[in-house]
Amino acid sequence: MSTETLRLEPGGAGLFEITDRVAAAVAASGMREGLCTLFLQHTSASLTIQENADPAACRDLENWLDRLVPERDELFTHTEEGPDDMPAHVKAALTATSLSIPVIDGRLALGTWQGVFLWEHRRRPRPRRLVVHVG
């Protein structure tokens, strides 16, 4: 078993591919068969597995979620940290803060067009911590 915490530094809101960072942690673990569990230690960002071939897929997802959960919704009362804070919490609740990916022959068992993405929901850049557990 192996556990590593990665520091991620997205440049603001959006989908950021982290497949290579996760794959490197899996390779460093030395595990040939098992499960890679990813856990993001935050409540205003999330994780997703998504197409990594056409950037338009990510842009469309970002635009769709922004339309679904707009800033400055008058229902939100948690507003002290800025207009993007509560929408970021809702977006994280609607998506996922953990993922599980099988490890086969020492590699993530992702499909041809699949990538692992950090989905940052806040506009201001901030570091994020991702726990990568391989067992």
N, C-alpha and C. Protein backbone atom coordinates (compact mmCIF):
# COMPACT_ATOMS: atom_id res chain seq x y z
N MET A 1 0.83 -1.18 0.00
CA MET A 1 0.00 0.00 0.00
C MET A 1 0.88 1.25 0.00
N SER A 2 0.30 2.31 -0.53
CA SER A 2 1.03 3.57 -0.62
C SER A 2 0.04 4.71 -0.53
N THR A 3 0.43 5.77 0.20
CA THR A 3 -0.39 6.98 0.27
C THR A 3 0.53 8.18 0.06
N GLU A 4 0.08 9.07 -0.81
CA GLU A 4 0.84 10.29 -1.10
C GLU A 4 -0.15 11.44 -1.20
N THR A 5 0.23 12.60 -0.70
CA THR A 5 -0.60 13.78 -0.85
C THR A 5 0.04 14.71 -1.87
N LEU A 6 -0.71 14.99 -2.93
CA LEU A 6 -0.23 15.88 -3.99
C LEU A 6 -0.74 17.30 -3.73
N ARG A 7 0.11 18.26 -3.97
CA ARG A 7 -0.29 19.66 -3.92
C ARG A 7 -0.60 20.09 -5.35
N LEU A 8 -1.82 20.53 -5.55
CA LEU A 8 -2.26 20.97 -6.87
C LEU A 8 -2.48 22.47 -6.82
N GLU A 9 -2.11 23.16 -7.89
CA GLU A 9 -2.24 24.61 -7.91
C GLU A 9 -2.92 25.06 -9.21
N PRO A 10 -4.25 24.90 -9.24
CA PRO A 10 -4.97 25.37 -10.43
C PRO A 10 -4.92 26.88 -10.52
N GLY A 11 -5.07 27.40 -11.69
CA GLY A 11 -4.97 28.85 -11.89
C GLY A 11 -6.27 29.59 -11.73
N GLY A 12 -7.24 29.00 -11.09
CA GLY A 12 -8.57 29.60 -10.94
C GLY A 12 -9.61 28.58 -11.35
N ALA A 13 -10.82 29.04 -11.61
CA ALA A 13 -11.92 28.13 -11.92
C ALA A 13 -11.68 27.38 -13.23
N GLY A 14 -12.11 26.12 -13.25
CA GLY A 14 -12.03 25.33 -14.47
C GLY A 14 -11.62 23.90 -14.21
N LEU A 15 -11.57 23.13 -15.28
CA LEU A 15 -11.13 21.73 -15.24
C LEU A 15 -9.65 21.67 -15.59
N PHE A 16 -8.88 21.00 -14.73
CA PHE A 16 -7.43 20.89 -14.91
C PHE A 16 -7.05 19.42 -14.90
N GLU A 17 -6.49 18.94 -15.98
CA GLU A 17 -6.14 17.52 -16.05
C GLU A 17 -4.96 17.22 -15.13
N ILE A 18 -5.13 16.18 -14.31
CA ILE A 18 -4.10 15.76 -13.36
C ILE A 18 -3.73 14.29 -13.55
N THR A 19 -4.11 13.71 -14.68
CA THR A 19 -3.86 12.30 -14.93
C THR A 19 -2.39 11.94 -14.76
N ASP A 20 -1.49 12.72 -15.34
CA ASP A 20 -0.06 12.42 -15.25
C ASP A 20 0.45 12.42 -13.82
N ARG A 21 -0.03 13.36 -13.02
CA ARG A 21 0.40 13.41 -11.60
C ARG A 21 -0.08 12.18 -10.84
N VAL A 22 -1.33 11.79 -11.09
CA VAL A 22 -1.87 10.60 -10.42
C VAL A 22 -1.16 9.34 -10.91
N ALA A 23 -0.94 9.23 -12.22
CA ALA A 23 -0.25 8.07 -12.78
C ALA A 23 1.17 7.95 -12.21
N ALA A 24 1.84 9.07 -12.01
CA ALA A 24 3.18 9.04 -11.43
C ALA A 24 3.15 8.53 -10.00
N ALA A 25 2.14 8.93 -9.23
CA ALA A 25 2.01 8.44 -7.86
C ALA A 25 1.73 6.94 -7.84
N VAL A 26 0.93 6.47 -8.78
CA VAL A 26 0.65 5.03 -8.88
C VAL A 26 1.94 4.29 -9.23
N ALA A 27 2.68 4.78 -10.20
CA ALA A 27 3.94 4.14 -10.59
C ALA A 27 4.93 4.11 -9.42
N ALA A 28 5.02 5.21 -8.68
CA ALA A 28 5.94 5.28 -7.54
C ALA A 28 5.55 4.31 -6.43
N SER A 29 4.27 3.95 -6.36
CA SER A 29 3.80 3.04 -5.31
C SER A 29 4.33 1.62 -5.51
N GLY A 30 4.65 1.28 -6.76
CA GLY A 30 5.12 -0.07 -7.07
C GLY A 30 4.01 -1.11 -7.15
N MET A 31 2.76 -0.72 -6.91
CA MET A 31 1.64 -1.66 -6.97
C MET A 31 1.37 -2.07 -8.42
N ARG A 32 1.21 -3.35 -8.63
CA ARG A 32 0.91 -3.86 -9.98
C ARG A 32 -0.59 -4.04 -10.18
N GLU A 33 -1.29 -4.45 -9.13
CA GLU A 33 -2.74 -4.68 -9.19
C GLU A 33 -3.36 -4.10 -7.92
N GLY A 34 -4.47 -3.45 -8.06
CA GLY A 34 -5.13 -2.90 -6.88
C GLY A 34 -6.11 -1.81 -7.25
N LEU A 35 -6.25 -0.87 -6.33
CA LEU A 35 -7.20 0.21 -6.52
C LEU A 35 -6.54 1.53 -6.11
N CYS A 36 -6.70 2.52 -6.96
CA CYS A 36 -6.22 3.87 -6.66
C CYS A 36 -7.44 4.67 -6.21
N THR A 37 -7.38 5.15 -4.98
CA THR A 37 -8.44 5.98 -4.44
C THR A 37 -7.91 7.40 -4.34
N LEU A 38 -8.67 8.34 -4.89
CA LEU A 38 -8.32 9.75 -4.86
C LEU A 38 -9.31 10.46 -3.96
N PHE A 39 -8.79 11.30 -3.07
CA PHE A 39 -9.66 12.06 -2.17
C PHE A 39 -9.17 13.50 -2.11
N LEU A 40 -10.03 14.42 -2.49
CA LEU A 40 -9.72 15.85 -2.48
C LEU A 40 -10.15 16.43 -1.14
N GLN A 41 -9.24 17.07 -0.42
CA GLN A 41 -9.50 17.55 0.93
C GLN A 41 -10.08 18.97 0.95
N HIS A 42 -11.10 19.20 0.14
CA HIS A 42 -11.69 20.54 0.05
C HIS A 42 -13.18 20.44 -0.22
N THR A 43 -13.91 21.53 0.06
CA THR A 43 -15.36 21.55 -0.14
C THR A 43 -15.81 22.50 -1.25
N SER A 44 -14.86 23.10 -1.97
CA SER A 44 -15.24 24.01 -3.05
C SER A 44 -14.51 23.67 -4.35
N ALA A 45 -14.09 22.42 -4.45
CA ALA A 45 -13.50 21.88 -5.68
C ALA A 45 -13.90 20.41 -5.73
N SER A 46 -13.70 19.78 -6.87
CA SER A 46 -14.09 18.38 -6.99
C SER A 46 -13.20 17.65 -7.98
N LEU A 47 -13.51 16.38 -8.17
CA LEU A 47 -12.77 15.51 -9.09
C LEU A 47 -13.75 14.93 -10.09
N THR A 48 -13.26 14.66 -11.28
CA THR A 48 -14.08 13.98 -12.26
C THR A 48 -13.18 13.24 -13.25
N ILE A 49 -13.74 12.21 -13.85
CA ILE A 49 -13.10 11.54 -14.99
C ILE A 49 -13.87 11.99 -16.21
N GLN A 50 -13.14 12.53 -17.18
CA GLN A 50 -13.80 13.12 -18.33
C GLN A 50 -12.93 12.96 -19.57
N GLU A 51 -13.52 13.26 -20.72
CA GLU A 51 -12.79 13.19 -21.99
C GLU A 51 -11.60 14.15 -21.94
N ASN A 52 -10.44 13.65 -22.38
CA ASN A 52 -9.25 14.51 -22.39
C ASN A 52 -8.71 14.75 -23.80
N ALA A 53 -9.51 14.41 -24.82
CA ALA A 53 -9.05 14.60 -26.20
C ALA A 53 -9.47 15.95 -26.77
N ASP A 54 -10.69 16.36 -26.51
CA ASP A 54 -11.20 17.61 -27.07
C ASP A 54 -11.50 18.59 -25.93
N PRO A 55 -10.75 19.68 -25.84
CA PRO A 55 -10.97 20.66 -24.76
C PRO A 55 -12.39 21.24 -24.75
N ALA A 56 -13.10 21.16 -25.86
CA ALA A 56 -14.47 21.68 -25.90
C ALA A 56 -15.37 20.93 -24.93
N ALA A 57 -15.11 19.65 -24.70
CA ALA A 57 -15.92 18.88 -23.75
C ALA A 57 -15.82 19.48 -22.35
N CYS A 58 -14.62 19.84 -21.94
CA CYS A 58 -14.44 20.46 -20.63
C CYS A 58 -15.09 21.83 -20.57
N ARG A 59 -14.91 22.63 -21.60
CA ARG A 59 -15.52 23.97 -21.62
C ARG A 59 -17.04 23.86 -21.53
N ASP A 60 -17.62 22.90 -22.27
CA ASP A 60 -19.07 22.72 -22.24
C ASP A 60 -19.55 22.32 -20.85
N LEU A 61 -18.81 21.44 -20.18
CA LEU A 61 -19.17 21.05 -18.81
C LEU A 61 -19.10 22.24 -17.86
N GLU A 62 -18.03 23.01 -17.96
CA GLU A 62 -17.88 24.19 -17.11
C GLU A 62 -19.04 25.17 -17.33
N ASN A 63 -19.36 25.44 -18.58
CA ASN A 63 -20.44 26.38 -18.90
C ASN A 63 -21.79 25.86 -18.41
N TRP A 64 -22.03 24.56 -18.57
CA TRP A 64 -23.29 23.97 -18.14
C TRP A 64 -23.45 24.09 -16.62
N LEU A 65 -22.39 23.75 -15.86
CA LEU A 65 -22.49 23.81 -14.40
C LEU A 65 -22.61 25.26 -13.92
N ASP A 66 -21.93 26.18 -14.58
CA ASP A 66 -22.07 27.60 -14.22
C ASP A 66 -23.51 28.08 -14.45
N ARG A 67 -24.13 27.60 -15.50
CA ARG A 67 -25.52 27.99 -15.77
C ARG A 67 -26.47 27.35 -14.75
N LEU A 68 -26.16 26.11 -14.35
CA LEU A 68 -26.99 25.40 -13.38
C LEU A 68 -26.91 26.03 -11.99
N VAL A 69 -25.70 26.46 -11.61
CA VAL A 69 -25.47 27.04 -10.27
C VAL A 69 -24.84 28.42 -10.45
N PRO A 70 -25.66 29.43 -10.67
CA PRO A 70 -25.12 30.77 -10.91
C PRO A 70 -24.68 31.46 -9.63
N GLU A 71 -23.76 32.39 -9.77
CA GLU A 71 -23.36 33.25 -8.66
C GLU A 71 -24.48 34.22 -8.34
N ARG A 72 -24.47 34.71 -7.11
CA ARG A 72 -25.40 35.73 -6.63
C ARG A 72 -26.86 35.26 -6.60
N ASP A 73 -27.06 33.96 -6.48
CA ASP A 73 -28.43 33.45 -6.33
C ASP A 73 -28.96 33.99 -5.00
N GLU A 74 -30.13 34.57 -5.01
CA GLU A 74 -30.66 35.20 -3.80
C GLU A 74 -31.00 34.19 -2.70
N LEU A 75 -31.02 32.91 -3.01
CA LEU A 75 -31.25 31.89 -1.98
C LEU A 75 -30.02 31.68 -1.10
N PHE A 76 -28.85 32.03 -1.58
CA PHE A 76 -27.61 31.79 -0.84
C PHE A 76 -27.46 32.79 0.30
N THR A 77 -27.18 32.28 1.50
CA THR A 77 -26.92 33.14 2.66
C THR A 77 -25.44 33.09 3.06
N HIS A 78 -24.72 32.08 2.61
CA HIS A 78 -23.28 31.95 2.90
C HIS A 78 -22.53 32.74 1.83
N THR A 79 -22.33 34.04 2.10
CA THR A 79 -21.79 34.94 1.07
C THR A 79 -20.57 35.73 1.53
N GLU A 80 -20.09 35.52 2.75
CA GLU A 80 -19.00 36.34 3.29
C GLU A 80 -17.68 36.17 2.54
N GLU A 81 -17.48 35.03 1.89
CA GLU A 81 -16.20 34.78 1.20
C GLU A 81 -16.26 35.11 -0.29
N GLY A 82 -17.29 35.81 -0.71
CA GLY A 82 -17.39 36.23 -2.10
C GLY A 82 -18.52 35.53 -2.84
N PRO A 83 -18.88 36.07 -3.99
CA PRO A 83 -20.04 35.55 -4.72
C PRO A 83 -19.82 34.17 -5.33
N ASP A 84 -18.57 33.73 -5.45
CA ASP A 84 -18.34 32.40 -6.02
C ASP A 84 -18.23 31.30 -4.97
N ASP A 85 -18.27 31.67 -3.67
CA ASP A 85 -18.04 30.67 -2.62
C ASP A 85 -19.18 29.67 -2.49
N MET A 86 -20.40 30.13 -2.25
CA MET A 86 -21.50 29.18 -2.07
C MET A 86 -21.77 28.40 -3.36
N PRO A 87 -21.75 29.03 -4.53
CA PRO A 87 -21.89 28.22 -5.74
C PRO A 87 -20.82 27.13 -5.84
N ALA A 88 -19.60 27.44 -5.38
CA ALA A 88 -18.54 26.42 -5.42
C ALA A 88 -18.87 25.24 -4.52
N HIS A 89 -19.45 25.50 -3.35
CA HIS A 89 -19.85 24.42 -2.46
C HIS A 89 -20.96 23.57 -3.08
N VAL A 90 -21.93 24.21 -3.71
CA VAL A 90 -23.02 23.47 -4.36
C VAL A 90 -22.46 22.62 -5.50
N LYS A 91 -21.57 23.19 -6.30
CA LYS A 91 -20.97 22.45 -7.42
C LYS A 91 -20.19 21.24 -6.91
N ALA A 92 -19.45 21.42 -5.82
CA ALA A 92 -18.70 20.29 -5.25
C ALA A 92 -19.66 19.22 -4.74
N ALA A 93 -20.78 19.64 -4.15
CA ALA A 93 -21.76 18.67 -3.65
C ALA A 93 -22.42 17.89 -4.79
N LEU A 94 -22.58 18.52 -5.94
CA LEU A 94 -23.21 17.87 -7.09
C LEU A 94 -22.25 16.96 -7.85
N THR A 95 -20.98 17.13 -7.65
CA THR A 95 -19.99 16.33 -8.37
C THR A 95 -19.37 15.34 -7.38
N ALA A 96 -18.06 15.23 -7.28
CA ALA A 96 -17.45 14.23 -6.39
C ALA A 96 -16.14 14.76 -5.82
N THR A 97 -15.86 14.38 -4.58
CA THR A 97 -14.56 14.72 -3.99
C THR A 97 -13.68 13.49 -3.87
N SER A 98 -14.18 12.34 -4.33
CA SER A 98 -13.34 11.13 -4.34
C SER A 98 -13.64 10.31 -5.58
N LEU A 99 -12.62 9.58 -6.03
CA LEU A 99 -12.74 8.69 -7.18
C LEU A 99 -11.98 7.40 -6.87
N SER A 100 -12.41 6.31 -7.47
CA SER A 100 -11.68 5.04 -7.38
C SER A 100 -11.41 4.54 -8.79
N ILE A 101 -10.15 4.20 -9.05
CA ILE A 101 -9.74 3.74 -10.38
C ILE A 101 -8.93 2.46 -10.21
N PRO A 102 -9.30 1.37 -10.90
CA PRO A 102 -8.51 0.15 -10.80
C PRO A 102 -7.09 0.37 -11.33
N VAL A 103 -6.15 -0.35 -10.73
CA VAL A 103 -4.77 -0.37 -11.20
C VAL A 103 -4.51 -1.77 -11.75
N ILE A 104 -4.13 -1.84 -13.01
CA ILE A 104 -3.86 -3.11 -13.69
C ILE A 104 -2.49 -3.01 -14.34
N ASP A 105 -1.64 -3.98 -14.10
CA ASP A 105 -0.27 -3.97 -14.63
C ASP A 105 0.47 -2.68 -14.29
N GLY A 106 0.22 -2.15 -13.09
CA GLY A 106 0.92 -0.97 -12.63
C GLY A 106 0.44 0.35 -13.20
N ARG A 107 -0.70 0.33 -13.93
CA ARG A 107 -1.20 1.54 -14.57
C ARG A 107 -2.67 1.77 -14.25
N LEU A 108 -3.07 3.02 -14.28
CA LEU A 108 -4.49 3.33 -14.12
C LEU A 108 -5.28 2.71 -15.27
N ALA A 109 -6.38 2.05 -14.96
CA ALA A 109 -7.19 1.37 -15.98
C ALA A 109 -8.21 2.34 -16.58
N LEU A 110 -7.72 3.46 -17.09
CA LEU A 110 -8.57 4.44 -17.73
C LEU A 110 -8.81 4.07 -19.18
N GLY A 111 -9.96 4.46 -19.71
CA GLY A 111 -10.27 4.24 -21.11
C GLY A 111 -9.46 5.16 -22.01
N THR A 112 -9.54 4.92 -23.29
CA THR A 112 -8.74 5.63 -24.28
C THR A 112 -8.83 7.15 -24.16
N TRP A 113 -10.02 7.68 -23.99
CA TRP A 113 -10.20 9.13 -23.97
C TRP A 113 -10.45 9.68 -22.58
N GLN A 114 -10.22 8.87 -21.55
CA GLN A 114 -10.48 9.32 -20.19
C GLN A 114 -9.27 9.97 -19.54
N GLY A 115 -9.52 11.03 -18.81
CA GLY A 115 -8.50 11.67 -18.01
C GLY A 115 -9.07 12.01 -16.64
N VAL A 116 -8.20 12.17 -15.66
CA VAL A 116 -8.60 12.57 -14.32
C VAL A 116 -8.43 14.08 -14.22
N PHE A 117 -9.45 14.75 -13.73
CA PHE A 117 -9.44 16.21 -13.67
C PHE A 117 -9.77 16.72 -12.27
N LEU A 118 -9.04 17.74 -11.86
CA LEU A 118 -9.43 18.57 -10.72
C LEU A 118 -10.39 19.61 -11.29
N TRP A 119 -11.55 19.75 -10.65
CA TRP A 119 -12.51 20.75 -11.09
C TRP A 119 -12.56 21.84 -10.03
N GLU A 120 -11.83 22.90 -10.29
CA GLU A 120 -11.78 24.03 -9.36
C GLU A 120 -13.01 24.89 -9.59
N HIS A 121 -13.75 25.14 -8.50
CA HIS A 121 -14.99 25.91 -8.60
C HIS A 121 -14.85 27.35 -8.11
N ARG A 122 -13.69 27.72 -7.57
CA ARG A 122 -13.46 29.09 -7.13
C ARG A 122 -12.63 29.82 -8.19
N ARG A 123 -12.88 31.11 -8.35
CA ARG A 123 -12.15 31.89 -9.36
C ARG A 123 -10.73 32.24 -8.92
N ARG A 124 -10.54 32.53 -7.64
CA ARG A 124 -9.22 32.93 -7.13
C ARG A 124 -8.32 31.70 -7.00
N PRO A 125 -7.11 31.76 -7.54
CA PRO A 125 -6.19 30.61 -7.42
C PRO A 125 -5.89 30.30 -5.95
N ARG A 126 -5.86 29.00 -5.64
CA ARG A 126 -5.55 28.55 -4.29
C ARG A 126 -5.01 27.13 -4.39
N PRO A 127 -4.08 26.75 -3.53
CA PRO A 127 -3.57 25.38 -3.57
C PRO A 127 -4.62 24.38 -3.07
N ARG A 128 -4.55 23.19 -3.62
CA ARG A 128 -5.46 22.11 -3.23
C ARG A 128 -4.63 20.88 -2.88
N ARG A 129 -5.16 20.05 -1.97
CA ARG A 129 -4.47 18.82 -1.55
C ARG A 129 -5.29 17.62 -2.02
N LEU A 130 -4.60 16.70 -2.69
CA LEU A 130 -5.22 15.47 -3.19
C LEU A 130 -4.50 14.28 -2.58
N VAL A 131 -5.23 13.47 -1.82
CA VAL A 131 -4.66 12.25 -1.26
C VAL A 131 -4.82 11.14 -2.30
N VAL A 132 -3.69 10.50 -2.63
CA VAL A 132 -3.67 9.39 -3.58
C VAL A 132 -3.29 8.15 -2.78
N HIS A 133 -4.23 7.22 -2.66
CA HIS A 133 -3.99 5.97 -1.93
C HIS A 133 -4.04 4.81 -2.93
N VAL A 134 -3.01 4.01 -2.95
CA VAL A 134 -2.97 2.85 -3.85
C VAL A 134 -2.83 1.61 -2.97
N GLY A 135 -3.77 0.72 -3.11
CA GLY A 135 -3.74 -0.48 -2.27
C GLY A 135 -4.44 -1.65 -2.91
